[in-house]
Amino acid sequence: MDSDLHNEILRFRDERNWKQFHNPKDLAISISLEASELLENFQWSTASEAVQCKKENICDELADLLIYCVLMAESLEVDINSIITKKLEKNASKYPIAKAFGRKEKYTDL
């Protein structure tokens, strides 16, 4: 993640003295709630309809979700780039290209 953006998120939080509320439990709840708000944009629509009609709100909700993820990583004292890299390595092992290319099945079904 871009360190300037990361620092901007933390500065926004700190200027409001919100760090005291950002424990892993409450951040996990907030992530779930924001994901639900993102999902709500697609309710009763096709994916293309939702994107066409609600793209600005979808982007707002996605941004909220990502901000909370940054705050969660900060709360857990983990580096976002490192945990994503590690997870991609795990997924590469579970989903080798030769088996997973163009397929949607879970790794246990490949």
PDB file of N, CA and C in Angstrom:
ATOM      1  N   MET A   1       0.840  -1.182   0.000  1.00  0.00           N
ATOM      2  CA  MET A   1       0.000   0.000   0.000  1.00  0.00           C
ATOM      3  C   MET A   1       0.878   1.235   0.000  1.00  0.00           C
ATOM      4  N   ASP A   2       0.447   2.246  -0.673  1.00  0.00           N
ATOM      5  CA  ASP A   2       1.153   3.522  -0.718  1.00  0.00           C
ATOM      6  C   ASP A   2       1.258   4.097   0.696  1.00  0.00           C
ATOM      7  N   SER A   3       2.480   4.392   1.116  1.00  0.00           N
ATOM      8  CA  SER A   3       2.687   4.849   2.493  1.00  0.00           C
ATOM      9  C   SER A   3       2.059   6.215   2.747  1.00  0.00           C
ATOM     10  N   ASP A   4       1.997   7.079   1.728  1.00  0.00           N
ATOM     11  CA  ASP A   4       1.353   8.380   1.917  1.00  0.00           C
ATOM     12  C   ASP A   4      -0.134   8.215   2.214  1.00  0.00           C
ATOM     13  N   LEU A   5      -0.785   7.341   1.470  1.00  0.00           N
ATOM     14  CA  LEU A   5      -2.204   7.099   1.693  1.00  0.00           C
ATOM     15  C   LEU A   5      -2.432   6.452   3.060  1.00  0.00           C
ATOM     16  N   HIS A   6      -1.587   5.499   3.397  1.00  0.00           N
ATOM     17  CA  HIS A   6      -1.654   4.846   4.705  1.00  0.00           C
ATOM     18  C   HIS A   6      -1.544   5.893   5.813  1.00  0.00           C
ATOM     19  N   ASN A   7      -0.571   6.773   5.701  1.00  0.00           N
ATOM     20  CA  ASN A   7      -0.378   7.820   6.707  1.00  0.00           C
ATOM     21  C   ASN A   7      -1.544   8.804   6.745  1.00  0.00           C
ATOM     22  N   GLU A   8      -2.135   9.078   5.593  1.00  0.00           N
ATOM     23  CA  GLU A   8      -3.289   9.974   5.540  1.00  0.00           C
ATOM     24  C   GLU A   8      -4.478   9.381   6.294  1.00  0.00           C
ATOM     25  N   ILE A   9      -4.693   8.081   6.138  1.00  0.00           N
ATOM     26  CA  ILE A   9      -5.768   7.402   6.872  1.00  0.00           C
ATOM     27  C   ILE A   9      -5.523   7.498   8.372  1.00  0.00           C
ATOM     28  N   LEU A  10      -4.295   7.224   8.799  1.00  0.00           N
ATOM     29  CA  LEU A  10      -3.976   7.286  10.227  1.00  0.00           C
ATOM     30  C   LEU A  10      -4.075   8.713  10.761  1.00  0.00           C
ATOM     31  N   ARG A  11      -3.646   9.683   9.974  1.00  0.00           N
ATOM     32  CA  ARG A  11      -3.742  11.084  10.382  1.00  0.00           C
ATOM     33  C   ARG A  11      -5.208  11.485  10.562  1.00  0.00           C
ATOM     34  N   PHE A  12      -6.058  11.086   9.633  1.00  0.00           N
ATOM     35  CA  PHE A  12      -7.492  11.377   9.733  1.00  0.00           C
ATOM     36  C   PHE A  12      -8.045  10.820  11.043  1.00  0.00           C
ATOM     37  N   ARG A  13      -7.696   9.565  11.343  1.00  0.00           N
ATOM     38  CA  ARG A  13      -8.150   8.915  12.575  1.00  0.00           C
ATOM     39  C   ARG A  13      -7.619   9.653  13.800  1.00  0.00           C
ATOM     40  N   ASP A  14      -6.340   9.952  13.796  1.00  0.00           N
ATOM     41  CA  ASP A  14      -5.706  10.550  14.974  1.00  0.00           C
ATOM     42  C   ASP A  14      -6.182  11.972  15.235  1.00  0.00           C
ATOM     43  N   GLU A  15      -6.453  12.736  14.180  1.00  0.00           N
ATOM     44  CA  GLU A  15      -6.954  14.104  14.365  1.00  0.00           C
ATOM     45  C   GLU A  15      -8.301  14.126  15.079  1.00  0.00           C
ATOM     46  N   ARG A  16      -9.017  13.024  15.024  1.00  0.00           N
ATOM     47  CA  ARG A  16     -10.331  12.911  15.655  1.00  0.00           C
ATOM     48  C   ARG A  16     -10.298  12.107  16.955  1.00  0.00           C
ATOM     49  N   ASN A  17      -9.108  11.654  17.334  1.00  0.00           N
ATOM     50  CA  ASN A  17      -8.935  10.856  18.550  1.00  0.00           C
ATOM     51  C   ASN A  17      -9.814   9.594  18.523  1.00  0.00           C
ATOM     52  N   TRP A  18      -9.822   8.926  17.376  1.00  0.00           N
ATOM     53  CA  TRP A  18     -10.646   7.716  17.225  1.00  0.00           C
ATOM     54  C   TRP A  18      -9.881   6.430  17.474  1.00  0.00           C
ATOM     55  N   LYS A  19      -8.574   6.501  17.612  1.00  0.00           N
ATOM     56  CA  LYS A  19      -7.803   5.272  17.802  1.00  0.00           C
ATOM     57  C   LYS A  19      -8.295   4.488  19.008  1.00  0.00           C
ATOM     58  N   GLN A  20      -8.761   5.193  20.029  1.00  0.00           N
ATOM     59  CA  GLN A  20      -9.250   4.548  21.243  1.00  0.00           C
ATOM     60  C   GLN A  20     -10.421   3.598  20.964  1.00  0.00           C
ATOM     61  N   PHE A  21     -11.122   3.801  19.866  1.00  0.00           N
ATOM     62  CA  PHE A  21     -12.274   2.959  19.524  1.00  0.00           C
ATOM     63  C   PHE A  21     -11.922   1.837  18.553  1.00  0.00           C
ATOM     64  N   HIS A  22     -10.685   1.843  18.063  1.00  0.00           N
ATOM     65  CA  HIS A  22     -10.305   0.943  16.977  1.00  0.00           C
ATOM     66  C   HIS A  22      -9.564  -0.290  17.477  1.00  0.00           C
ATOM     67  N   ASN A  23     -10.277  -1.117  18.180  1.00  0.00           N
ATOM     68  CA  ASN A  23      -9.738  -2.408  18.606  1.00  0.00           C
ATOM     69  C   ASN A  23     -10.127  -3.450  17.560  1.00  0.00           C
ATOM     70  N   PRO A  24      -9.438  -4.578  17.527  1.00  0.00           N
ATOM     71  CA  PRO A  24      -9.710  -5.571  16.479  1.00  0.00           C
ATOM     72  C   PRO A  24     -11.170  -6.024  16.395  1.00  0.00           C
ATOM     73  N   LYS A  25     -11.827  -6.200  17.522  1.00  0.00           N
ATOM     74  CA  LYS A  25     -13.235  -6.638  17.498  1.00  0.00           C
ATOM     75  C   LYS A  25     -14.119  -5.612  16.803  1.00  0.00           C
ATOM     76  N   ASP A  26     -14.016  -4.359  17.218  1.00  0.00           N
ATOM     77  CA  ASP A  26     -14.879  -3.335  16.644  1.00  0.00           C
ATOM     78  C   ASP A  26     -14.528  -3.035  15.193  1.00  0.00           C
ATOM     79  N   LEU A  27     -13.257  -3.138  14.850  1.00  0.00           N
ATOM     80  CA  LEU A  27     -12.886  -2.966  13.454  1.00  0.00           C
ATOM     81  C   LEU A  27     -13.407  -4.114  12.597  1.00  0.00           C
ATOM     82  N   ALA A  28     -13.372  -5.336  13.122  1.00  0.00           N
ATOM     83  CA  ALA A  28     -13.929  -6.475  12.379  1.00  0.00           C
ATOM     84  C   ALA A  28     -15.432  -6.288  12.156  1.00  0.00           C
ATOM     85  N   ILE A  29     -16.123  -5.795  13.165  1.00  0.00           N
ATOM     86  CA  ILE A  29     -17.556  -5.507  13.018  1.00  0.00           C
ATOM     87  C   ILE A  29     -17.762  -4.447  11.944  1.00  0.00           C
ATOM     88  N   SER A  30     -16.960  -3.399  11.991  1.00  0.00           N
ATOM     89  CA  SER A  30     -17.084  -2.321  11.003  1.00  0.00           C
ATOM     90  C   SER A  30     -16.795  -2.809   9.594  1.00  0.00           C
ATOM     91  N   ILE A  31     -15.806  -3.668   9.447  1.00  0.00           N
ATOM     92  CA  ILE A  31     -15.502  -4.248   8.131  1.00  0.00           C
ATOM     93  C   ILE A  31     -16.699  -5.036   7.611  1.00  0.00           C
ATOM     94  N   SER A  32     -17.306  -5.831   8.481  1.00  0.00           N
ATOM     95  CA  SER A  32     -18.470  -6.619   8.077  1.00  0.00           C
ATOM     96  C   SER A  32     -19.640  -5.717   7.693  1.00  0.00           C
ATOM     97  N   LEU A  33     -19.874  -4.679   8.479  1.00  0.00           N
ATOM     98  CA  LEU A  33     -20.972  -3.759   8.178  1.00  0.00           C
ATOM     99  C   LEU A  33     -20.748  -3.027   6.860  1.00  0.00           C
ATOM    100  N   GLU A  34     -19.530  -2.567   6.637  1.00  0.00           N
ATOM    101  CA  GLU A  34     -19.237  -1.866   5.380  1.00  0.00           C
ATOM    102  C   GLU A  34     -19.337  -2.812   4.189  1.00  0.00           C
ATOM    103  N   ALA A  35     -18.917  -4.058   4.367  1.00  0.00           N
ATOM    104  CA  ALA A  35     -19.065  -5.044   3.282  1.00  0.00           C
ATOM    105  C   ALA A  35     -20.542  -5.259   2.968  1.00  0.00           C
ATOM    106  N   SER A  36     -21.371  -5.263   3.986  1.00  0.00           N
ATOM    107  CA  SER A  36     -22.819  -5.400   3.764  1.00  0.00           C
ATOM    108  C   SER A  36     -23.383  -4.184   3.033  1.00  0.00           C
ATOM    109  N   GLU A  37     -22.894  -2.996   3.388  1.00  0.00           N
ATOM    110  CA  GLU A  37     -23.344  -1.792   2.690  1.00  0.00           C
ATOM    111  C   GLU A  37     -22.902  -1.812   1.225  1.00  0.00           C
ATOM    112  N   LEU A  38     -21.715  -2.332   0.966  1.00  0.00           N
ATOM    113  CA  LEU A  38     -21.257  -2.500  -0.412  1.00  0.00           C
ATOM    114  C   LEU A  38     -22.169  -3.476  -1.144  1.00  0.00           C
ATOM    115  N   LEU A  39     -22.455  -4.586  -0.516  1.00  0.00           N
ATOM    116  CA  LEU A  39     -23.307  -5.609  -1.117  1.00  0.00           C
ATOM    117  C   LEU A  39     -24.719  -5.099  -1.386  1.00  0.00           C
ATOM    118  N   GLU A  40     -25.211  -4.240  -0.522  1.00  0.00           N
ATOM    119  CA  GLU A  40     -26.567  -3.706  -0.679  1.00  0.00           C
ATOM    120  C   GLU A  40     -26.757  -3.004  -2.018  1.00  0.00           C
ATOM    121  N   ASN A  41     -25.696  -2.447  -2.556  1.00  0.00           N
ATOM    122  CA  ASN A  41     -25.787  -1.777  -3.861  1.00  0.00           C
ATOM    123  C   ASN A  41     -26.162  -2.731  -4.987  1.00  0.00           C
ATOM    124  N   PHE A  42     -25.923  -4.009  -4.789  1.00  0.00           N
ATOM    125  CA  PHE A  42     -26.188  -4.998  -5.832  1.00  0.00           C
ATOM    126  C   PHE A  42     -27.518  -5.724  -5.637  1.00  0.00           C
ATOM    127  N   GLN A  43     -28.164  -5.476  -4.511  1.00  0.00           N
ATOM    128  CA  GLN A  43     -29.428  -6.157  -4.222  1.00  0.00           C
ATOM    129  C   GLN A  43     -30.477  -5.753  -5.252  1.00  0.00           C
ATOM    130  N   TRP A  44     -31.166  -6.726  -5.789  1.00  0.00           N
ATOM    131  CA  TRP A  44     -32.267  -6.579  -6.733  1.00  0.00           C
ATOM    132  C   TRP A  44     -31.825  -5.984  -8.068  1.00  0.00           C
ATOM    133  N   SER A  45     -30.553  -6.108  -8.389  1.00  0.00           N
ATOM    134  CA  SER A  45     -30.028  -5.618  -9.669  1.00  0.00           C
ATOM    135  C   SER A  45     -29.074  -6.650 -10.243  1.00  0.00           C
ATOM    136  N   THR A  46     -28.881  -6.572 -11.538  1.00  0.00           N
ATOM    137  CA  THR A  46     -27.777  -7.332 -12.102  1.00  0.00           C
ATOM    138  C   THR A  46     -26.495  -6.583 -11.755  1.00  0.00           C
ATOM    139  N   ALA A  47     -25.376  -7.254 -11.881  1.00  0.00           N
ATOM    140  CA  ALA A  47     -24.101  -6.596 -11.587  1.00  0.00           C
ATOM    141  C   ALA A  47     -23.904  -5.373 -12.475  1.00  0.00           C
ATOM    142  N   SER A  48     -24.209  -5.503 -13.755  1.00  0.00           N
ATOM    143  CA  SER A  48     -23.998  -4.377 -14.670  1.00  0.00           C
ATOM    144  C   SER A  48     -24.946  -3.219 -14.364  1.00  0.00           C
ATOM    145  N   GLU A  49     -26.187  -3.513 -13.996  1.00  0.00           N
ATOM    146  CA  GLU A  49     -27.128  -2.446 -13.611  1.00  0.00           C
ATOM    147  C   GLU A  49     -26.622  -1.699 -12.380  1.00  0.00           C
ATOM    148  N   ALA A  50     -26.181  -2.437 -11.399  1.00  0.00           N
ATOM    149  CA  ALA A  50     -25.701  -1.818 -10.164  1.00  0.00           C
ATOM    150  C   ALA A  50     -24.504  -0.923 -10.442  1.00  0.00           C
ATOM    151  N   VAL A  51     -23.560  -1.410 -11.221  1.00  0.00           N
ATOM    152  CA  VAL A  51     -22.373  -0.612 -11.519  1.00  0.00           C
ATOM    153  C   VAL A  51     -22.751   0.629 -12.322  1.00  0.00           C
ATOM    154  N   GLN A  52     -23.634   0.455 -13.272  1.00  0.00           N
ATOM    155  CA  GLN A  52     -24.041   1.584 -14.105  1.00  0.00           C
ATOM    156  C   GLN A  52     -24.777   2.643 -13.294  1.00  0.00           C
ATOM    157  N   CYS A  53     -25.668   2.232 -12.399  1.00  0.00           N
ATOM    158  CA  CYS A  53     -26.524   3.174 -11.681  1.00  0.00           C
ATOM    159  C   CYS A  53     -25.980   3.622 -10.333  1.00  0.00           C
ATOM    160  N   LYS A  54     -25.123   2.824  -9.729  1.00  0.00           N
ATOM    161  CA  LYS A  54     -24.706   3.105  -8.353  1.00  0.00           C
ATOM    162  C   LYS A  54     -23.192   3.118  -8.169  1.00  0.00           C
ATOM    163  N   LYS A  55     -22.468   3.363  -9.243  1.00  0.00           N
ATOM    164  CA  LYS A  55     -21.009   3.243  -9.167  1.00  0.00           C
ATOM    165  C   LYS A  55     -20.402   4.173  -8.121  1.00  0.00           C
ATOM    166  N   GLU A  56     -20.868   5.397  -8.017  1.00  0.00           N
ATOM    167  CA  GLU A  56     -20.297   6.322  -7.037  1.00  0.00           C
ATOM    168  C   GLU A  56     -20.478   5.794  -5.617  1.00  0.00           C
ATOM    169  N   ASN A  57     -21.658   5.307  -5.299  1.00  0.00           N
ATOM    170  CA  ASN A  57     -21.896   4.769  -3.963  1.00  0.00           C
ATOM    171  C   ASN A  57     -21.108   3.479  -3.739  1.00  0.00           C
ATOM    172  N   ILE A  58     -21.000   2.658  -4.762  1.00  0.00           N
ATOM    173  CA  ILE A  58     -20.184   1.441  -4.665  1.00  0.00           C
ATOM    174  C   ILE A  58     -18.742   1.821  -4.324  1.00  0.00           C
ATOM    175  N   CYS A  59     -18.218   2.832  -4.993  1.00  0.00           N
ATOM    176  CA  CYS A  59     -16.846   3.281  -4.720  1.00  0.00           C
ATOM    177  C   CYS A  59     -16.717   3.834  -3.307  1.00  0.00           C
ATOM    178  N   ASP A  60     -17.718   4.576  -2.844  1.00  0.00           N
ATOM    179  CA  ASP A  60     -17.689   5.096  -1.474  1.00  0.00           C
ATOM    180  C   ASP A  60     -17.649   3.964  -0.454  1.00  0.00           C
ATOM    181  N   GLU A  61     -18.485   2.962  -0.658  1.00  0.00           N
ATOM    182  CA  GLU A  61     -18.531   1.835   0.282  1.00  0.00           C
ATOM    183  C   GLU A  61     -17.247   1.006   0.211  1.00  0.00           C
ATOM    184  N   LEU A  62     -16.719   0.836  -0.979  1.00  0.00           N
ATOM    185  CA  LEU A  62     -15.449   0.122  -1.126  1.00  0.00           C
ATOM    186  C   LEU A  62     -14.335   0.875  -0.404  1.00  0.00           C
ATOM    187  N   ALA A  63     -14.321   2.187  -0.532  1.00  0.00           N
ATOM    188  CA  ALA A  63     -13.320   2.994   0.163  1.00  0.00           C
ATOM    189  C   ALA A  63     -13.458   2.837   1.676  1.00  0.00           C
ATOM    190  N   ASP A  64     -14.692   2.900   2.188  1.00  0.00           N
ATOM    191  CA  ASP A  64     -14.900   2.697   3.629  1.00  0.00           C
ATOM    192  C   ASP A  64     -14.351   1.349   4.074  1.00  0.00           C
ATOM    193  N   LEU A  65     -14.647   0.339   3.307  1.00  0.00           N
ATOM    194  CA  LEU A  65     -14.190  -1.017   3.622  1.00  0.00           C
ATOM    195  C   LEU A  65     -12.666  -1.092   3.645  1.00  0.00           C
ATOM    196  N   LEU A  66     -12.032  -0.521   2.650  1.00  0.00           N
ATOM    197  CA  LEU A  66     -10.570  -0.551   2.583  1.00  0.00           C
ATOM    198  C   LEU A  66      -9.929   0.259   3.709  1.00  0.00           C
ATOM    199  N   ILE A  67     -10.531   1.383   4.055  1.00  0.00           N
ATOM    200  CA  ILE A  67     -10.020   2.188   5.172  1.00  0.00           C
ATOM    201  C   ILE A  67     -10.065   1.381   6.457  1.00  0.00           C
ATOM    202  N   TYR A  68     -11.180   0.713   6.712  1.00  0.00           N
ATOM    203  CA  TYR A  68     -11.266  -0.113   7.921  1.00  0.00           C
ATOM    204  C   TYR A  68     -10.251  -1.257   7.888  1.00  0.00           C
ATOM    205  N   CYS A  69      -9.978  -1.796   6.714  1.00  0.00           N
ATOM    206  CA  CYS A  69      -8.954  -2.847   6.613  1.00  0.00           C
ATOM    207  C   CYS A  69      -7.572  -2.307   6.962  1.00  0.00           C
ATOM    208  N   VAL A  70      -7.262  -1.105   6.515  1.00  0.00           N
ATOM    209  CA  VAL A  70      -5.991  -0.481   6.879  1.00  0.00           C
ATOM    210  C   VAL A  70      -5.914  -0.285   8.388  1.00  0.00           C
ATOM    211  N   LEU A  71      -7.005   0.183   8.977  1.00  0.00           N
ATOM    212  CA  LEU A  71      -7.029   0.400  10.426  1.00  0.00           C
ATOM    213  C   LEU A  71      -6.917  -0.919  11.189  1.00  0.00           C
ATOM    214  N   MET A  72      -7.499  -1.980  10.654  1.00  0.00           N
ATOM    215  CA  MET A  72      -7.382  -3.299  11.289  1.00  0.00           C
ATOM    216  C   MET A  72      -5.937  -3.773  11.258  1.00  0.00           C
ATOM    217  N   ALA A  73      -5.292  -3.633  10.118  1.00  0.00           N
ATOM    218  CA  ALA A  73      -3.884  -4.031  10.008  1.00  0.00           C
ATOM    219  C   ALA A  73      -3.032  -3.233  10.987  1.00  0.00           C
ATOM    220  N   GLU A  74      -3.306  -1.960  11.093  1.00  0.00           N
ATOM    221  CA  GLU A  74      -2.576  -1.099  12.032  1.00  0.00           C
ATOM    222  C   GLU A  74      -2.808  -1.564  13.471  1.00  0.00           C
ATOM    223  N   SER A  75      -4.056  -1.880  13.792  1.00  0.00           N
ATOM    224  CA  SER A  75      -4.399  -2.334  15.141  1.00  0.00           C
ATOM    225  C   SER A  75      -3.700  -3.644  15.490  1.00  0.00           C
ATOM    226  N   LEU A  76      -3.563  -4.519  14.504  1.00  0.00           N
ATOM    227  CA  LEU A  76      -2.914  -5.822  14.713  1.00  0.00           C
ATOM    228  C   LEU A  76      -1.393  -5.754  14.544  1.00  0.00           C
ATOM    229  N   GLU A  77      -0.904  -4.569  14.169  1.00  0.00           N
ATOM    230  CA  GLU A  77       0.527  -4.358  13.940  1.00  0.00           C
ATOM    231  C   GLU A  77       1.087  -5.311  12.891  1.00  0.00           C
ATOM    232  N   VAL A  78       0.361  -5.410  11.768  1.00  0.00           N
ATOM    233  CA  VAL A  78       0.814  -6.222  10.643  1.00  0.00           C
ATOM    234  C   VAL A  78       0.964  -5.326   9.412  1.00  0.00           C
ATOM    235  N   ASP A  79       1.893  -5.688   8.555  1.00  0.00           N
ATOM    236  CA  ASP A  79       2.145  -4.962   7.324  1.00  0.00           C
ATOM    237  C   ASP A  79       1.240  -5.493   6.220  1.00  0.00           C
ATOM    238  N   ILE A  80       0.456  -4.620   5.638  1.00  0.00           N
ATOM    239  CA  ILE A  80      -0.512  -5.023   4.613  1.00  0.00           C
ATOM    240  C   ILE A  80       0.163  -5.709   3.434  1.00  0.00           C
ATOM    241  N   ASN A  81       1.252  -5.124   2.933  1.00  0.00           N
ATOM    242  CA  ASN A  81       1.943  -5.715   1.787  1.00  0.00           C
ATOM    243  C   ASN A  81       2.432  -7.124   2.112  1.00  0.00           C
ATOM    244  N   SER A  82       2.956  -7.309   3.309  1.00  0.00           N
ATOM    245  CA  SER A  82       3.478  -8.627   3.700  1.00  0.00           C
ATOM    246  C   SER A  82       2.381  -9.670   3.806  1.00  0.00           C
ATOM    247  N   ILE A  83       1.260  -9.304   4.438  1.00  0.00           N
ATOM    248  CA  ILE A  83       0.201 -10.313   4.613  1.00  0.00           C
ATOM    249  C   ILE A  83      -0.467 -10.658   3.293  1.00  0.00           C
ATOM    250  N   ILE A  84      -0.566  -9.681   2.401  1.00  0.00           N
ATOM    251  CA  ILE A  84      -1.144  -9.970   1.085  1.00  0.00           C
ATOM    252  C   ILE A  84      -0.197 -10.863   0.278  1.00  0.00           C
ATOM    253  N   THR A  85       1.085 -10.547   0.303  1.00  0.00           N
ATOM    254  CA  THR A  85       2.073 -11.372  -0.407  1.00  0.00           C
ATOM    255  C   THR A  85       2.041 -12.806   0.110  1.00  0.00           C
ATOM    256  N   LYS A  86       2.013 -12.960   1.426  1.00  0.00           N
ATOM    257  CA  LYS A  86       1.976 -14.297   2.028  1.00  0.00           C
ATOM    258  C   LYS A  86       0.708 -15.048   1.607  1.00  0.00           C
ATOM    259  N   LYS A  87      -0.416 -14.361   1.587  1.00  0.00           N
ATOM    260  CA  LYS A  87      -1.675 -15.008   1.201  1.00  0.00           C
ATOM    261  C   LYS A  87      -1.666 -15.384  -0.278  1.00  0.00           C
ATOM    262  N   LEU A  88      -1.101 -14.533  -1.120  1.00  0.00           N
ATOM    263  CA  LEU A  88      -1.004 -14.872  -2.542  1.00  0.00           C
ATOM    264  C   LEU A  88      -0.150 -16.117  -2.751  1.00  0.00           C
ATOM    265  N   GLU A  89       0.917 -16.250  -1.967  1.00  0.00           N
ATOM    266  CA  GLU A  89       1.757 -17.448  -2.041  1.00  0.00           C
ATOM    267  C   GLU A  89       0.967 -18.691  -1.632  1.00  0.00           C
ATOM    268  N   LYS A  90       0.182 -18.588  -0.561  1.00  0.00           N
ATOM    269  CA  LYS A  90      -0.661 -19.712  -0.129  1.00  0.00           C
ATOM    270  C   LYS A  90      -1.675 -20.068  -1.214  1.00  0.00           C
ATOM    271  N   ASN A  91      -2.299 -19.030  -1.791  1.00  0.00           N
ATOM    272  CA  ASN A  91      -3.301 -19.278  -2.834  1.00  0.00           C
ATOM    273  C   ASN A  91      -2.688 -19.885  -4.088  1.00  0.00           C
ATOM    274  N   ALA A  92      -1.463 -19.484  -4.414  1.00  0.00           N
ATOM    275  CA  ALA A  92      -0.784 -20.061  -5.580  1.00  0.00           C
ATOM    276  C   ALA A  92      -0.565 -21.554  -5.384  1.00  0.00           C
ATOM    277  N   SER A  93      -0.302 -21.945  -4.159  1.00  0.00           N
ATOM    278  CA  SER A  93      -0.126 -23.363  -3.849  1.00  0.00           C
ATOM    279  C   SER A  93      -1.456 -24.113  -3.928  1.00  0.00           C
ATOM    280  N   LYS A  94      -2.518 -23.488  -3.447  1.00  0.00           N
ATOM    281  CA  LYS A  94      -3.842 -24.127  -3.468  1.00  0.00           C
ATOM    282  C   LYS A  94      -4.439 -24.160  -4.875  1.00  0.00           C
ATOM    283  N   TYR A  95      -4.146 -23.131  -5.647  1.00  0.00           N
ATOM    284  CA  TYR A  95      -4.741 -22.980  -6.971  1.00  0.00           C
ATOM    285  C   TYR A  95      -3.662 -22.908  -8.048  1.00  0.00           C
ATOM    286  N   PRO A  96      -2.968 -24.022  -8.315  1.00  0.00           N
ATOM    287  CA  PRO A  96      -1.959 -23.991  -9.377  1.00  0.00           C
ATOM    288  C   PRO A  96      -2.617 -23.685 -10.722  1.00  0.00           C
ATOM    289  N   ILE A  97      -1.925 -22.939 -11.533  1.00  0.00           N
ATOM    290  CA  ILE A  97      -2.480 -22.507 -12.814  1.00  0.00           C
ATOM    291  C   ILE A  97      -2.978 -23.689 -13.640  1.00  0.00           C
ATOM    292  N   ALA A  98      -2.212 -24.754 -13.662  1.00  0.00           N
ATOM    293  CA  ALA A  98      -2.581 -25.920 -14.482  1.00  0.00           C
ATOM    294  C   ALA A  98      -3.943 -26.494 -14.081  1.00  0.00           C
ATOM    295  N   LYS A  99      -4.301 -26.403 -12.815  1.00  0.00           N
ATOM    296  CA  LYS A  99      -5.592 -26.933 -12.367  1.00  0.00           C
ATOM    297  C   LYS A  99      -6.685 -25.872 -12.308  1.00  0.00           C
ATOM    298  N   ALA A 100      -6.320 -24.643 -12.005  1.00  0.00           N
ATOM    299  CA  ALA A 100      -7.328 -23.625 -11.698  1.00  0.00           C
ATOM    300  C   ALA A 100      -7.647 -22.683 -12.858  1.00  0.00           C
ATOM    301  N   PHE A 101      -6.847 -22.685 -13.902  1.00  0.00           N
ATOM    302  CA  PHE A 101      -7.030 -21.726 -14.991  1.00  0.00           C
ATOM    303  C   PHE A 101      -8.441 -21.793 -15.557  1.00  0.00           C
ATOM    304  N   GLY A 102      -9.165 -20.665 -15.463  1.00  0.00           N
ATOM    305  CA  GLY A 102     -10.506 -20.575 -16.030  1.00  0.00           C
ATOM    306  C   GLY A 102     -11.576 -21.318 -15.255  1.00  0.00           C
ATOM    307  N   ARG A 103     -11.258 -21.797 -14.066  1.00  0.00           N
ATOM    308  CA  ARG A 103     -12.226 -22.567 -13.275  1.00  0.00           C
ATOM    309  C   ARG A 103     -12.587 -21.812 -12.018  1.00  0.00           C
ATOM    310  N   LYS A 104     -13.796 -22.026 -11.535  1.00  0.00           N
ATOM    311  CA  LYS A 104     -14.286 -21.302 -10.352  1.00  0.00           C
ATOM    312  C   LYS A 104     -14.379 -22.180  -9.111  1.00  0.00           C
ATOM    313  N   GLU A 105     -14.091 -23.454  -9.244  1.00  0.00           N
ATOM    314  CA  GLU A 105     -14.233 -24.361  -8.106  1.00  0.00           C
ATOM    315  C   GLU A 105     -13.244 -24.033  -6.993  1.00  0.00           C
ATOM    316  N   LYS A 106     -13.632 -24.383  -5.782  1.00  0.00           N
ATOM    317  CA  LYS A 106     -12.732 -24.275  -4.633  1.00  0.00           C
ATOM    318  C   LYS A 106     -11.592 -25.264  -4.809  1.00  0.00           C
ATOM    319  N   TYR A 107     -10.448 -24.941  -4.220  1.00  0.00           N
ATOM    320  CA  TYR A 107      -9.252 -25.766  -4.394  1.00  0.00           C
ATOM    321  C   TYR A 107      -9.494 -27.225  -3.997  1.00  0.00           C
ATOM    322  N   THR A 108     -10.394 -27.481  -3.065  1.00  0.00           N
ATOM    323  CA  THR A 108     -10.660 -28.870  -2.640  1.00  0.00           C
ATOM    324  C   THR A 108     -11.398 -29.650  -3.728  1.00  0.00           C
ATOM    325  N   ASP A 109     -11.964 -28.939  -4.699  1.00  0.00           N
ATOM    326  CA  ASP A 109     -12.726 -29.587  -5.778  1.00  0.00           C
ATOM    327  C   ASP A 109     -11.987 -29.606  -7.112  1.00  0.00           C
ATOM    328  N   LEU A 110     -10.767 -29.091  -7.142  1.00  0.00           N
ATOM    329  CA  LEU A 110     -10.015 -29.081  -8.406  1.00  0.00           C
ATOM    330  C   LEU A 110      -9.387 -30.444  -8.672  1.00  0.00           C
TER     331      LEU A 110
END
